[in-house]
Protein backbone atom coordinates (compact mmCIF):
# COMPACT_ATOMS: atom_id res chain seq x y z
CA MET A 1 183.56 10.86 189.10
CA CYS A 2 182.20 11.06 193.08
CA TRP A 3 183.69 13.88 195.10
CA PHE A 4 183.92 13.89 199.14
CA SER A 5 183.24 17.43 200.80
CA PHE A 6 183.92 18.20 204.38
CA SER A 7 183.07 21.01 206.36
CA ARG A 8 184.33 22.66 209.60
CA GLN A 9 181.46 20.71 211.93
CA GLN A 10 181.82 17.60 210.31
CA LEU A 11 185.45 17.61 210.63
CA HIS A 12 184.94 18.12 214.66
CA SER A 13 182.60 14.88 214.71
CA PHE A 14 185.31 12.55 213.82
CA PRO A 15 187.29 11.08 216.69
CA ASP A 16 190.66 9.65 216.95
CA LYS A 17 191.55 6.14 218.79
CA LEU A 18 191.51 7.41 222.04
CA GLY A 19 188.24 9.31 221.78
CA ARG A 20 189.05 12.55 221.41
CA ASP A 21 187.65 15.02 218.82
CA LYS A 22 190.35 15.99 216.18
CA GLU A 23 191.39 19.45 215.28
CA PRO A 24 189.95 20.61 212.16
CA LEU A 25 192.20 20.26 208.73
CA CYS A 26 190.48 23.25 206.90
CA SER A 27 189.09 26.61 208.32
CA ALA A 28 185.10 26.96 207.47
CA ALA A 29 186.04 28.82 204.35
CA GLU A 30 187.63 26.31 203.01
CA ALA A 31 186.58 22.58 202.12
CA VAL A 32 188.62 19.61 201.72
CA VAL A 33 187.85 18.17 198.17
CA LEU A 34 189.59 14.80 196.83
CA PRO A 35 188.49 12.46 194.06
CA CYS A 36 187.41 8.72 195.06
CA ARG A 37 189.98 7.39 192.94
CA TRP A 38 192.98 9.00 194.59
CA LEU A 39 191.40 8.08 198.09
CA ALA A 40 193.22 5.20 199.97
CA SER A 41 190.49 3.42 202.47
CA GLY A 42 189.25 5.32 205.17
CA SER A 43 192.09 8.01 204.48
CA LEU A 44 191.05 11.94 203.62
CA PHE A 45 194.83 12.05 201.85
CA PRO A 46 195.26 11.35 198.00
CA LEU A 47 197.57 8.25 197.13
CA SER A 48 199.71 10.27 194.43
CA CYS A 49 200.41 13.70 192.96
CA ILE A 50 200.21 14.24 189.44
CA HIS A 51 203.01 17.18 188.58
CA THR A 52 202.94 18.31 185.30
CA SER A 53 205.20 21.23 185.27
CA THR A 54 207.53 22.33 182.23
CA SER A 55 210.66 21.80 184.82
CA LEU A 56 210.69 18.34 184.37
CA GLN A 57 211.58 18.58 180.89
CA LYS A 58 214.86 17.77 179.92
CA ILE A 59 217.92 20.75 179.33
CA GLY A 60 220.08 19.97 176.60
CA LYS A 61 223.70 21.17 176.88
CA TRP A 62 223.33 24.30 174.53
CA GLU A 63 220.03 25.82 176.82
CA LYS A 64 222.15 25.07 179.51
CA LYS A 65 224.76 27.61 178.61
CA ASN A 66 221.88 30.71 179.29
CA ARG A 67 222.96 29.34 183.13
CA ILE A 68 226.07 30.57 183.45
CA VAL A 69 227.07 33.47 186.10
CA TYR A 70 230.14 34.90 185.36
CA PRO A 71 232.17 36.48 188.46
CA PRO A 72 231.35 40.49 189.64
CA GLN A 73 233.33 42.77 187.33
CA LEU A 74 235.83 45.41 188.43
CA PRO A 75 234.95 48.75 188.63
CA GLY A 76 235.83 50.14 185.00
CA GLU A 77 235.94 47.41 183.18
CA PRO A 78 233.71 47.33 180.07
CA ARG A 79 230.04 45.84 180.60
CA ARG A 80 230.08 42.25 179.61
CA PRO A 81 227.47 41.71 176.21
CA ALA A 82 224.52 39.54 177.03
CA GLU A 83 224.89 36.21 175.54
CA ILE A 84 221.49 34.04 174.23
CA TYR A 85 221.66 30.24 173.18
CA HIS A 86 218.59 29.32 171.65
CA CYS A 87 218.31 25.87 169.73
CA ARG A 88 215.28 23.83 167.92
CA ARG A 89 215.69 20.35 167.88
CA GLU A 90 214.88 17.23 165.87
CA ILE A 91 213.65 19.59 162.43
CA LYS A 92 212.26 17.46 159.78
CA TYR A 93 215.02 18.85 157.31
CA SER A 94 218.46 17.75 155.79
CA LYS A 95 221.28 19.04 157.81
CA ASP A 96 223.01 19.34 154.60
CA LYS A 97 220.48 21.89 153.80
CA MET A 98 220.25 23.61 156.90
CA TRP A 99 223.77 24.18 156.78
CA TYR A 100 223.82 26.54 153.73
CA LEU A 101 220.93 28.73 155.43
CA ALA A 102 223.13 28.49 159.02
CA LYS A 103 226.64 29.76 157.52
CA LEU A 104 224.54 32.81 155.31
CA ILE A 105 223.57 34.59 158.42
CA LYS A 106 226.77 33.69 160.65
CA GLY A 107 227.82 37.31 161.18
CA MET A 108 225.11 39.15 160.38
CA SER A 109 222.53 41.48 162.61
CA ILE A 110 219.61 40.33 163.79
CA ASP A 111 217.61 42.43 161.50
CA GLN A 112 219.83 41.67 158.60
CA ALA A 113 219.64 37.88 158.68
CA LEU A 114 215.38 38.44 159.46
CA ALA A 115 215.95 40.35 155.93
CA GLN A 116 217.77 37.69 154.15
CA LEU A 117 215.73 34.62 155.51
CA GLU A 118 212.44 36.65 154.53
CA PHE A 119 213.52 36.47 151.04
CA SER A 120 214.68 32.70 150.74
CA ASP A 121 211.71 30.24 149.22
CA LYS A 122 213.10 27.58 151.39
CA LYS A 123 211.65 25.16 153.99
CA GLY A 124 214.56 26.11 156.36
CA ALA A 125 215.02 29.08 156.02
CA LYS A 126 211.28 29.54 157.19
CA VAL A 127 212.50 27.38 160.18
CA ILE A 128 215.96 29.33 161.47
CA LYS A 129 213.47 32.96 160.85
CA GLU A 130 211.34 31.26 163.76
CA VAL A 131 214.38 30.42 165.81
CA LEU A 132 215.69 33.64 165.57
CA LEU A 133 212.39 35.61 166.76
CA GLU A 134 212.41 33.15 169.81
CA ALA A 135 215.51 34.35 170.89
CA GLN A 136 215.07 37.56 169.94
CA GLU A 137 211.88 37.78 172.06
CA MET A 138 213.86 35.49 174.95
CA ALA A 139 217.18 38.19 174.72
CA VAL A 140 214.71 41.27 175.71
CA ARG A 141 212.55 39.22 178.12
CA LYS A 142 214.86 37.39 179.94
CA HIS A 143 218.71 38.68 179.50
CA ASN A 144 218.18 42.64 180.22
CA VAL A 145 218.69 43.46 176.49
CA GLU A 146 217.36 47.00 176.16
CA PHE A 147 216.98 47.10 172.02
CA LYS A 148 216.26 44.16 170.58
CA SER A 149 217.68 45.13 166.89
CA ASN A 150 221.38 45.75 169.17
CA LEU A 151 221.77 42.12 168.65
CA HIS A 152 224.38 39.95 166.02
CA ILE A 153 224.42 36.58 165.53
CA ALA A 154 227.66 34.72 166.87
CA GLU A 155 227.32 31.13 165.89
CA SER A 156 225.07 29.49 164.21
CA GLN A 157 225.68 25.92 163.42
CA THR A 158 223.35 22.41 162.20
CA GLY A 159 223.70 18.99 164.04
CA ARG A 160 222.23 15.50 163.18
CA GLY A 161 219.12 14.59 164.38
CA ARG A 162 217.69 11.09 164.63
CA TYR A 163 217.11 9.16 161.12
CA VAL A 164 214.04 6.62 161.00
CA LYS A 165 213.62 4.22 158.54
CA ARG A 166 210.32 3.42 156.82
CA LEU A 167 209.05 0.92 154.38
CA ARG A 168 208.03 2.39 150.92
CA CYS A 169 205.38 -0.12 148.92
CA HIS A 170 206.07 -0.91 145.31
CA GLY A 171 204.50 -3.15 142.94
CA LYS A 172 203.81 -6.60 142.36
CA GLY A 173 204.46 -7.45 145.94
CA MET A 174 208.05 -5.18 146.67
CA PHE A 175 209.02 -2.90 148.95
CA GLY A 176 212.32 -0.36 149.28
CA MET A 177 214.13 1.50 151.92
CA MET A 178 213.44 5.00 152.88
CA ARG A 179 214.97 7.24 155.65
CA ILE A 180 213.40 10.11 157.30
CA SER A 181 216.12 12.40 157.64
CA ARG A 182 216.22 15.23 160.94
CA CYS A 183 218.15 17.85 162.31
CA HIS A 184 219.19 20.31 165.05
CA TYR A 185 219.94 23.94 164.61
CA PHE A 186 221.59 25.83 167.24
CA VAL A 187 222.11 29.80 167.76
CA LYS A 188 224.27 32.24 169.89
CA LEU A 189 223.00 35.75 170.14
CA VAL A 190 225.69 38.08 171.46
CA GLU A 191 224.50 41.75 172.53
CA GLY A 192 225.94 44.41 170.20
CA PRO A 193 227.06 44.84 166.95
CA PRO A 194 228.55 42.84 164.96
CA PRO A 195 232.50 42.19 164.44
CA PRO A 196 234.30 43.31 160.94
CA PRO A 197 234.72 40.95 158.67
CA GLU A 198 238.11 39.07 158.58
CA PRO A 199 240.46 40.22 155.70
CA PRO A 200 241.07 36.96 153.55
CA LYS A 201 244.32 35.19 153.65
CA THR A 202 246.97 36.05 151.42
CA GLY A 203 248.92 32.90 149.71
CA PHE A 204 251.59 33.57 152.39
CA ASP A 205 249.70 33.60 155.49
CA GLN A 206 248.34 30.08 154.29
CA ALA A 207 251.76 28.67 153.54
CA LYS A 208 253.30 30.06 157.55
CA GLU A 209 249.76 28.27 159.05
CA TYR A 210 250.38 25.35 156.80
CA VAL A 211 254.39 24.56 158.19
CA GLN A 212 253.17 25.75 161.55
CA GLN A 213 250.50 22.55 161.88
CA LEU A 214 253.37 20.41 160.62
CA ARG A 215 255.43 21.51 163.84
CA ASN A 216 252.77 21.03 165.81
CA ARG A 217 251.99 17.31 164.88
CA THR A 218 253.07 14.16 166.90
CA LEU A 219 254.78 11.51 165.47
CA VAL A 220 254.86 8.24 166.91
CA HIS A 221 256.75 4.99 167.04
CA THR A 222 259.47 7.48 166.48
CA LEU A 223 262.94 7.83 168.38
């Protein structure tokens, strides 16, 4: 690749169409250095600009919740706890197997969840542990969380990713179809200790809830 370099004296020597000398495009300490393949014929400026920053990457709906701006709080109102949304997409793992691990750590503190995942021999446990550590580091760095252990898991859920079909070759010219499953994992961390567990519902509470569901239903094609 060839390069063109122009100094201050050479830029002064380029006259315009009226015969007047042009002003220098750069200082004496700087020089215009441009590759040949980005230059048009008779031009000193590139034809295209290559932009490869991370701002062009697509952000999902779950990550956009980190940009929510709440209204100012009133004097004397308790401080609103920080909320951190993080996820990992297209994990080569079954969403049904990941669901058991996601529900296992829901409602735990961050340290307790990491301890539970540390002693699990499942593949999904290692992935969830990495996601929790990333979210914990992001909470301290971006969300002004003072103590990284003062977090609990408010939401932990999975989603279905893209399923890809592939051929599996068998003997005697036969073949079969196999599906490569992928899943997503979403987690929400909230600052503060975890809330106390809800007491189990009694039979009377479940019956009362069932009757309320029957009263709230909508009957179509009736008088």
